[in-house]
Protein backbone atom coordinates (compact mmCIF):
# COMPACT_ATOMS: atom_id res chain seq x y z
CA UNK A 1 8.24 -24.78 -6.05
CA UNK A 2 5.94 -21.84 -5.29
CA UNK A 3 6.49 -19.92 -2.06
CA UNK A 4 3.59 -20.45 0.31
CA UNK A 5 1.98 -17.91 2.63
CA UNK A 6 -0.66 -18.33 5.31
CA UNK A 7 -2.40 -15.05 4.51
CA UNK A 8 -2.25 -12.68 1.53
CA UNK A 9 -3.33 -9.07 2.15
CA UNK A 10 -4.31 -7.01 -0.90
CA UNK A 11 -3.71 -3.26 -0.48
CA UNK A 12 -1.72 -1.24 2.05
CA UNK A 13 -4.04 1.55 3.08
CA UNK A 14 -5.26 1.85 6.67
CA UNK A 15 -7.11 -1.49 6.54
CA UNK A 16 -4.24 -3.30 4.84
CA UNK A 17 -1.67 -1.96 7.28
CA UNK A 18 -3.73 -3.19 10.23
CA UNK A 19 -4.52 -6.55 8.64
CA UNK A 20 -0.94 -7.32 7.59
CA UNK A 21 0.71 -6.22 10.84
CA UNK A 22 -1.81 -7.89 13.15
CA UNK A 23 -1.72 -11.17 11.18
CA UNK A 24 2.10 -11.17 11.24
CA UNK A 25 2.12 -10.45 14.96
CA UNK A 26 -0.06 -13.55 15.38
CA UNK A 27 2.82 -15.52 13.81
CA UNK A 28 1.16 -16.04 10.45
CA UNK A 29 3.36 -15.91 7.36
CA UNK A 30 1.93 -12.90 5.53
CA UNK A 31 2.23 -11.62 1.96
CA UNK A 32 1.26 -7.99 1.34
CA UNK A 33 0.60 -7.05 -2.29
CA UNK A 34 0.04 -3.49 -3.48
CA UNK A 35 -0.21 -1.99 -6.95
CA UNK A 36 1.43 1.19 -5.63
CA UNK A 37 5.15 1.68 -4.99
CA UNK A 38 4.85 1.90 -1.20
CA UNK A 39 2.61 1.73 1.86
CA UNK A 40 -0.04 4.30 2.72
CA UNK A 41 -3.01 4.04 0.39
CA UNK A 42 -5.55 6.85 0.74
CA UNK A 43 -4.12 7.90 4.11
CA UNK A 44 -0.61 8.34 2.76
CA UNK A 45 -1.02 9.42 -0.85
CA UNK A 46 -4.40 11.10 -1.46
CA UNK A 47 -3.53 14.41 0.19
CA UNK A 48 -5.77 13.85 3.21
CA UNK A 49 -4.48 15.31 6.48
CA UNK A 50 -7.12 14.23 9.02
CA UNK A 51 -7.80 10.77 10.41
CA UNK A 52 -11.55 10.33 11.00
CA UNK A 53 -13.66 7.76 12.80
CA UNK A 54 -11.37 7.03 15.75
CA UNK A 55 -13.40 8.55 18.57
CA UNK A 56 -16.83 8.62 20.17
CA UNK A 57 -18.52 11.93 21.03
CA UNK A 58 -16.74 12.04 24.38
CA UNK A 59 -13.34 11.81 22.69
CA UNK A 60 -12.63 8.22 23.73
CA UNK A 61 -11.29 5.63 21.32
CA UNK A 62 -14.11 3.53 19.87
CA UNK A 63 -11.69 0.73 19.04
CA UNK A 64 -8.57 0.16 21.12
CA UNK A 65 -5.86 -2.26 20.01
CA UNK A 66 -4.19 -1.47 16.69
CA UNK A 67 -6.34 1.58 15.75
CA UNK A 68 -5.27 3.31 18.96
CA UNK A 69 -1.65 2.20 18.56
CA UNK A 70 -1.44 3.51 15.00
CA UNK A 71 -3.22 6.78 15.81
CA UNK A 72 -0.87 7.48 18.71
CA UNK A 73 2.13 6.73 16.47
CA UNK A 74 1.12 9.24 13.76
CA UNK A 75 -0.31 11.85 16.14
CA UNK A 76 1.42 15.16 16.81
CA UNK A 77 -1.18 16.49 19.23
CA UNK A 78 -4.72 16.09 20.48
CA UNK A 79 -7.77 15.42 18.32
CA UNK A 80 -9.71 18.48 17.19
CA UNK A 81 -13.43 18.80 17.95
CA UNK A 82 -15.75 19.88 15.15
CA UNK A 83 -19.33 19.87 16.38
CA UNK A 84 -20.15 16.29 17.41
CA UNK A 85 -17.09 14.92 15.65
CA UNK A 86 -13.41 14.64 16.51
CA UNK A 87 -10.64 14.25 13.94
CA UNK A 88 -6.92 13.65 14.35
CA UNK A 89 -4.65 15.83 12.17
CA UNK A 90 -1.59 14.09 10.75
CA UNK A 91 1.15 14.52 8.16
CA UNK A 92 0.93 12.17 5.14
CA UNK A 93 4.70 11.64 5.07
CA UNK A 94 4.60 10.51 8.72
CA UNK A 95 1.65 8.22 7.95
CA UNK A 96 3.77 6.50 5.30
CA UNK A 97 6.89 6.35 7.49
CA UNK A 98 5.04 4.85 10.46
CA UNK A 99 3.47 2.26 8.15
CA UNK A 100 6.89 1.23 6.85
CA UNK A 101 8.22 0.99 10.41
CA UNK A 102 5.38 -1.31 11.46
CA UNK A 103 6.09 -3.52 8.44
CA UNK A 104 9.84 -3.60 9.10
CA UNK A 105 9.19 -4.79 12.66
CA UNK A 106 7.27 -7.86 11.42
CA UNK A 107 9.72 -10.61 10.49
CA UNK A 108 7.03 -12.89 9.03
CA UNK A 109 5.70 -10.20 6.68
CA UNK A 110 6.79 -10.00 3.03
CA UNK A 111 5.84 -6.89 1.02
CA UNK A 112 5.63 -6.83 -2.78
CA UNK A 113 5.14 -3.35 -4.28
CA UNK A 114 4.03 -2.28 -7.76
CA UNK A 115 2.22 -5.59 -8.05
CA UNK A 116 -1.44 -5.45 -9.20
CA UNK A 117 -3.57 -8.44 -8.29
CA UNK A 118 -3.63 -11.10 -11.03
CA UNK A 119 -3.54 -14.83 -11.75
CA UNK A 120 -6.02 -15.99 -9.08
CA UNK A 121 -6.42 -19.78 -8.94
CA UNK A 122 -9.51 -21.30 -7.28
CA UNK A 123 -10.14 -24.85 -6.07
CA UNK A 124 -13.21 -26.18 -4.24
CA UNK A 125 -14.54 -22.69 -3.53
CA UNK A 126 -11.24 -21.40 -2.13
CA UNK A 127 -8.40 -19.25 -3.44
CA UNK A 128 -5.27 -21.39 -3.49
CA UNK A 129 -2.92 -19.13 -5.42
CA UNK A 130 -2.51 -15.52 -6.57
CA UNK A 131 0.29 -13.73 -8.38
CA UNK A 132 2.23 -16.98 -8.38
CA UNK A 133 2.13 -17.47 -4.60
CA UNK A 134 0.27 -20.27 -2.82
CA UNK A 135 -2.00 -18.95 -0.04
CA UNK A 136 -4.32 -20.33 2.62
CA UNK A 137 -6.44 -17.19 3.18
CA UNK A 138 -6.88 -13.79 1.53
CA UNK A 139 -7.85 -10.41 3.00
CA UNK A 140 -9.06 -7.86 0.43
CA UNK A 141 -8.16 -4.35 1.59
CA UNK A 142 -7.95 -2.93 -1.93
CA UNK A 143 -10.82 -0.48 -1.44
CA UNK A 144 -12.28 -1.60 -4.78
CA UNK A 145 -12.96 -5.31 -4.14
CA UNK A 146 -10.18 -6.38 -6.50
CA UNK A 147 -10.50 -10.05 -5.52
CA UNK A 148 -14.25 -10.10 -6.19
CA UNK A 149 -13.76 -8.39 -9.53
CA UNK A 150 -11.07 -10.86 -10.58
CA UNK A 151 -13.07 -13.91 -9.53
CA UNK A 152 -16.46 -12.66 -10.74
CA UNK A 153 -18.34 -12.90 -7.45
CA UNK A 154 -21.11 -10.47 -6.52
CA UNK A 155 -20.30 -6.91 -5.45
CA UNK A 156 -22.26 -3.89 -4.32
CA UNK A 157 -21.14 -0.44 -5.38
CA UNK A 158 -21.45 3.29 -4.87
CA UNK A 159 -21.85 5.88 -7.62
CA UNK A 160 -21.18 9.55 -8.32
CA UNK A 161 -24.44 10.50 -6.59
CA UNK A 162 -23.49 8.91 -3.28
CA UNK A 163 -19.67 8.73 -3.07
CA UNK A 164 -18.38 11.02 -5.81
CA UNK A 165 -14.67 11.11 -6.49
CA UNK A 166 -12.66 14.07 -5.20
CA UNK A 167 -9.35 15.79 -5.80
CA UNK A 168 -7.58 16.43 -2.48
CA UNK A 169 -4.78 18.98 -2.51
CA UNK A 170 -2.79 21.14 -0.11
CA UNK A 171 -2.30 24.87 -0.49
CA UNK A 172 0.67 26.61 1.13
CA UNK A 173 1.22 30.34 1.82
CA UNK A 174 -2.40 30.85 2.83
CA UNK A 175 -2.78 33.82 5.15
CA UNK A 176 -6.54 33.64 5.62
CA UNK A 177 -7.96 31.63 8.50
CA UNK A 178 -11.20 29.78 7.82
CA UNK A 179 -12.91 29.29 11.15
CA UNK A 180 -16.57 30.02 10.37
CA UNK A 181 -19.21 29.69 7.69
CA UNK A 182 -18.74 33.37 6.88
CA UNK A 183 -14.99 32.86 6.37
CA UNK A 184 -15.66 29.96 4.03
CA UNK A 185 -18.29 31.94 2.10
CA UNK A 186 -15.70 34.62 1.27
CA UNK A 187 -13.63 31.93 -0.43
CA UNK A 188 -16.43 29.95 -2.06
CA UNK A 189 -18.41 32.84 -3.58
CA UNK A 190 -15.80 33.84 -6.21
CA UNK A 191 -15.41 30.18 -7.14
CA UNK A 192 -19.17 29.72 -7.51
CA UNK A 193 -19.35 32.80 -9.74
CA UNK A 194 -16.67 31.21 -11.92
CA UNK A 195 -18.72 28.01 -12.21
CA UNK A 196 -16.75 25.78 -9.84
CA UNK A 197 -18.36 23.36 -7.38
CA UNK A 198 -17.69 24.21 -3.73
CA UNK A 199 -14.43 23.41 -1.97
CA UNK A 200 -14.40 21.72 1.42
CA UNK A 201 -11.58 22.72 3.76
CA UNK A 202 -9.74 20.53 6.27
CA UNK A 203 -7.09 21.02 8.93
CA UNK A 204 -3.44 20.90 7.93
CA UNK A 205 -0.55 20.73 10.41
CA UNK A 206 1.80 22.66 8.14
CA UNK A 207 1.99 26.42 8.95
CA UNK A 208 0.02 28.74 6.64
CA UNK A 209 -1.44 25.73 4.85
CA UNK A 210 -4.86 24.30 4.21
CA UNK A 211 -6.18 21.05 2.73
CA UNK A 212 -9.00 21.26 0.19
CA UNK A 213 -11.37 18.66 -1.31
CA UNK A 214 -12.65 19.47 -4.79
CA UNK A 215 -15.34 17.56 -6.70
CA UNK A 216 -14.39 18.91 -10.13
CA UNK A 217 -11.95 17.37 -12.61
CA UNK A 218 -8.24 17.49 -11.68
CA UNK A 219 -7.24 19.44 -14.80
CA UNK A 220 -9.27 22.45 -13.60
CA UNK A 221 -7.46 22.78 -10.25
CA UNK A 222 -4.75 25.20 -11.58
CA UNK A 223 -7.48 27.56 -12.84
CA UNK A 224 -9.26 27.31 -9.48
CA UNK A 225 -6.04 28.24 -7.66
CA UNK A 226 -5.56 31.23 -9.98
CA UNK A 227 -9.05 32.51 -9.09
CA UNK A 228 -8.23 32.17 -5.39
CA UNK A 229 -5.03 34.17 -5.90
CA UNK A 230 -6.76 36.99 -7.75
CA UNK A 231 -10.16 37.11 -6.02
CA UNK A 232 -9.70 36.11 -2.37
CA UNK A 233 -7.75 38.12 0.18
CA UNK A 234 -5.22 35.98 2.01
CA UNK A 235 -4.73 33.62 -0.95
CA UNK A 236 -2.66 36.03 -3.11
CA UNK A 237 0.53 33.97 -2.82
CA UNK A 238 -0.95 30.51 -2.33
CA UNK A 239 0.43 27.55 -4.27
CA UNK A 240 -0.28 23.85 -4.48
CA UNK A 241 2.07 21.47 -2.69
CA UNK A 242 1.39 18.74 -5.26
CA UNK A 243 2.81 18.98 -8.76
CA UNK A 244 0.10 16.73 -10.17
CA UNK A 245 -3.58 16.39 -9.25
CA UNK A 246 -5.37 13.06 -9.22
CA UNK A 247 -8.80 11.75 -8.35
CA UNK A 248 -9.44 9.70 -5.20
CA UNK A 249 -12.52 7.53 -4.76
CA UNK A 250 -14.25 7.85 -1.41
CA UNK A 251 -15.62 4.35 -1.89
CA UNK A 252 -16.16 2.03 -4.83
CA UNK A 253 -17.13 -1.65 -4.82
CA UNK A 254 -17.98 -3.73 -1.77
CA UNK A 255 -17.84 -7.54 -1.67
CA UNK A 256 -21.06 -9.28 -0.63
CA UNK A 257 -20.51 -11.15 2.62
CA UNK A 258 -22.49 -13.42 4.88
CA UNK A 259 -24.27 -10.28 6.12
CA UNK A 260 -24.70 -6.94 4.34
CA UNK A 261 -24.45 -3.98 6.72
CA UNK A 262 -27.18 -1.46 5.87
CA UNK A 263 -27.93 2.22 6.29
CA UNK A 264 -30.68 1.50 8.86
CA UNK A 265 -28.13 -0.57 10.83
CA UNK A 266 -25.85 2.48 10.97
CA UNK A 267 -28.46 5.12 11.81
CA UNK A 268 -30.16 2.75 14.25
CA UNK A 269 -26.87 2.12 16.10
CA UNK A 270 -27.40 -1.63 15.68
CA UNK A 271 -25.44 -4.07 17.81
CA UNK A 272 -24.49 -7.62 16.75
CA UNK A 273 -23.68 -10.81 18.68
CA UNK A 274 -20.60 -11.36 16.46
CA UNK A 275 -19.45 -7.72 16.57
CA UNK A 276 -15.76 -7.12 15.84
CA UNK A 277 -15.57 -3.32 15.37
CA UNK A 278 -17.35 -0.09 16.27
CA UNK A 279 -18.04 3.12 14.36
CA UNK A 280 -19.87 6.35 15.19
CA UNK A 281 -19.09 8.41 12.09
CA UNK A 282 -22.16 9.88 10.35
CA UNK A 283 -23.30 8.80 6.90
CA UNK A 284 -21.58 11.25 4.55
CA UNK A 285 -22.83 11.13 0.98
CA UNK A 286 -21.14 13.32 -1.62
CA UNK A 287 -22.60 14.08 -5.04
CA UNK A 288 -20.59 15.04 -8.11
CA UNK A 289 -21.70 18.69 -7.78
CA UNK A 290 -19.92 18.97 -4.42
CA UNK A 291 -23.05 18.88 -2.28
CA UNK A 292 -23.12 16.73 0.84
CA UNK A 293 -25.81 14.90 2.76
CA UNK A 294 -24.83 14.10 6.34
CA UNK A 295 -26.96 11.94 8.64
CA UNK A 296 -25.88 11.45 12.24
CA UNK A 297 -26.40 8.57 14.61
CA UNK A 298 -28.39 9.23 17.80
CA UNK A 299 -26.37 11.36 20.28
CA UNK A 300 -23.68 9.40 22.09
CA UNK A 301 -24.34 6.20 20.09
CA UNK A 302 -22.27 3.91 17.88
CA UNK A 303 -23.04 0.94 15.68
CA UNK A 304 -21.20 -2.36 15.46
CA UNK A 305 -19.77 -4.19 12.46
CA UNK A 306 -20.28 -7.97 12.59
CA UNK A 307 -17.72 -10.58 11.63
CA UNK A 308 -20.24 -11.84 9.07
CA UNK A 309 -19.74 -8.59 7.12
CA UNK A 310 -16.02 -9.34 6.86
CA UNK A 311 -16.39 -12.89 5.47
CA UNK A 312 -17.21 -13.34 1.79
CA UNK A 313 -20.41 -15.21 0.99
CA UNK A 314 -19.09 -17.02 -2.09
CA UNK A 315 -15.41 -17.73 -1.36
CA UNK A 316 -14.64 -19.73 1.77
CA UNK A 317 -11.23 -18.23 2.58
CA UNK A 318 -11.81 -14.60 1.51
CA UNK A 319 -12.13 -11.84 4.09
CA UNK A 320 -12.72 -8.11 3.54
CA UNK A 321 -11.66 -4.99 5.44
CA UNK A 322 -11.84 -1.24 4.99
CA UNK A 323 -13.90 0.03 2.05
CA UNK A 324 -14.49 -3.50 0.71
CA UNK A 325 -16.55 -4.82 3.65
CA UNK A 326 -20.02 -6.17 2.94
CA UNK A 327 -22.08 -2.99 3.20
CA UNK A 328 -24.63 -1.15 1.10
CA UNK A 329 -24.05 2.32 -0.36
CA UNK A 330 -25.51 4.02 2.72
CA UNK A 331 -23.56 2.03 5.32
CA UNK A 332 -20.21 2.38 3.55
CA UNK A 333 -20.73 6.16 3.58
CA UNK A 334 -19.94 5.89 7.30
CA UNK A 335 -17.75 2.79 7.59
CA UNK A 336 -15.25 3.93 4.90
CA UNK A 337 -13.41 6.36 7.24
CA UNK A 338 -9.85 5.43 8.23
CA UNK A 339 -10.47 4.88 11.94
CA UNK A 340 -13.03 2.22 11.06
CA UNK A 341 -10.76 0.79 8.34
CA UNK A 342 -8.01 0.26 10.92
CA UNK A 343 -10.51 -1.56 13.15
CA UNK A 344 -11.88 -3.87 10.44
CA UNK A 345 -8.33 -4.53 9.26
CA UNK A 346 -7.34 -5.78 12.70
CA UNK A 347 -10.56 -7.77 12.97
CA UNK A 348 -10.05 -9.57 9.64
CA UNK A 349 -6.50 -10.47 10.65
CA UNK A 350 -7.90 -12.27 13.70
CA UNK A 351 -10.61 -13.98 11.62
CA UNK A 352 -8.13 -15.09 8.97
CA UNK A 353 -5.68 -16.43 11.56
CA UNK A 354 -8.49 -18.34 13.28
CA UNK A 355 -9.51 -19.85 9.93
CA UNK A 356 -6.03 -21.36 9.54
CA UNK A 357 -6.57 -23.44 12.66
């Protein structure tokens, strides 16, 4: 006889962590499936070192509950202000460890690692089984709408002109501080002369370290580092923390829901009667040449994400969180950040649990 679960969560990034833990805390029997070998997703394994989308312009949490709880657990200090934005620096290894601790504390949660989604069985417009387990509801937190792709339902998607892939890596033994546009120009100019797209630098809690986002192919990163060593003062002894470089997608495919969140909704700070989460992060669109287009909300404003953007239009018991929510390419350019993913993860857990009743 197949083992039965109330809720199956696909993916264990920020959204999946929130969805699985919050559903288990609500006394649902939860199955968490992930194709990777452990918890963390983009937050734990991509090389990122800043958690974005948690705060409003005043530095207050936009979403309390699990997003605040998780942020406080991984935090090692106060958020850092960058213009109108605030980001929370963190260590990836702590992100993974805290995730595992949350899972271990949930007795009704079963985790299955290194298990890609497969063998979905449908009946009367509902998913009744996946990967050999019977389920009553499914939350897709895969970041790539794995459930929609497996079942053939409609998806929206980004492309390399709007959400280009990036290689995120950490450099140690960096003696140069990058605090201004002029500081960054001293680093970027030699790279541009060598034909590389621009790097984008982020805060790193490790001493004499910096996190970089690179839009070029991963196999060119060693050559890029060699140019930094030979051409930029303060980088003479820098080295990559990672031994291998891989590509991370900022966003990919989004499952069409009862409502599709749009770019005008985001920039217009739209509010909804069935709102379940808030976000104030700007629309960040990245092209494959490393150029960015950033559009901010009105000062002091936020937009809301409705429950109808977390419920699939074509499958009755499918919910979406994180990068898979029902949103167009403009809206997901804001809603994809981890603070918002934590919030939609918690929200879908509540929706899925309610659907069981």
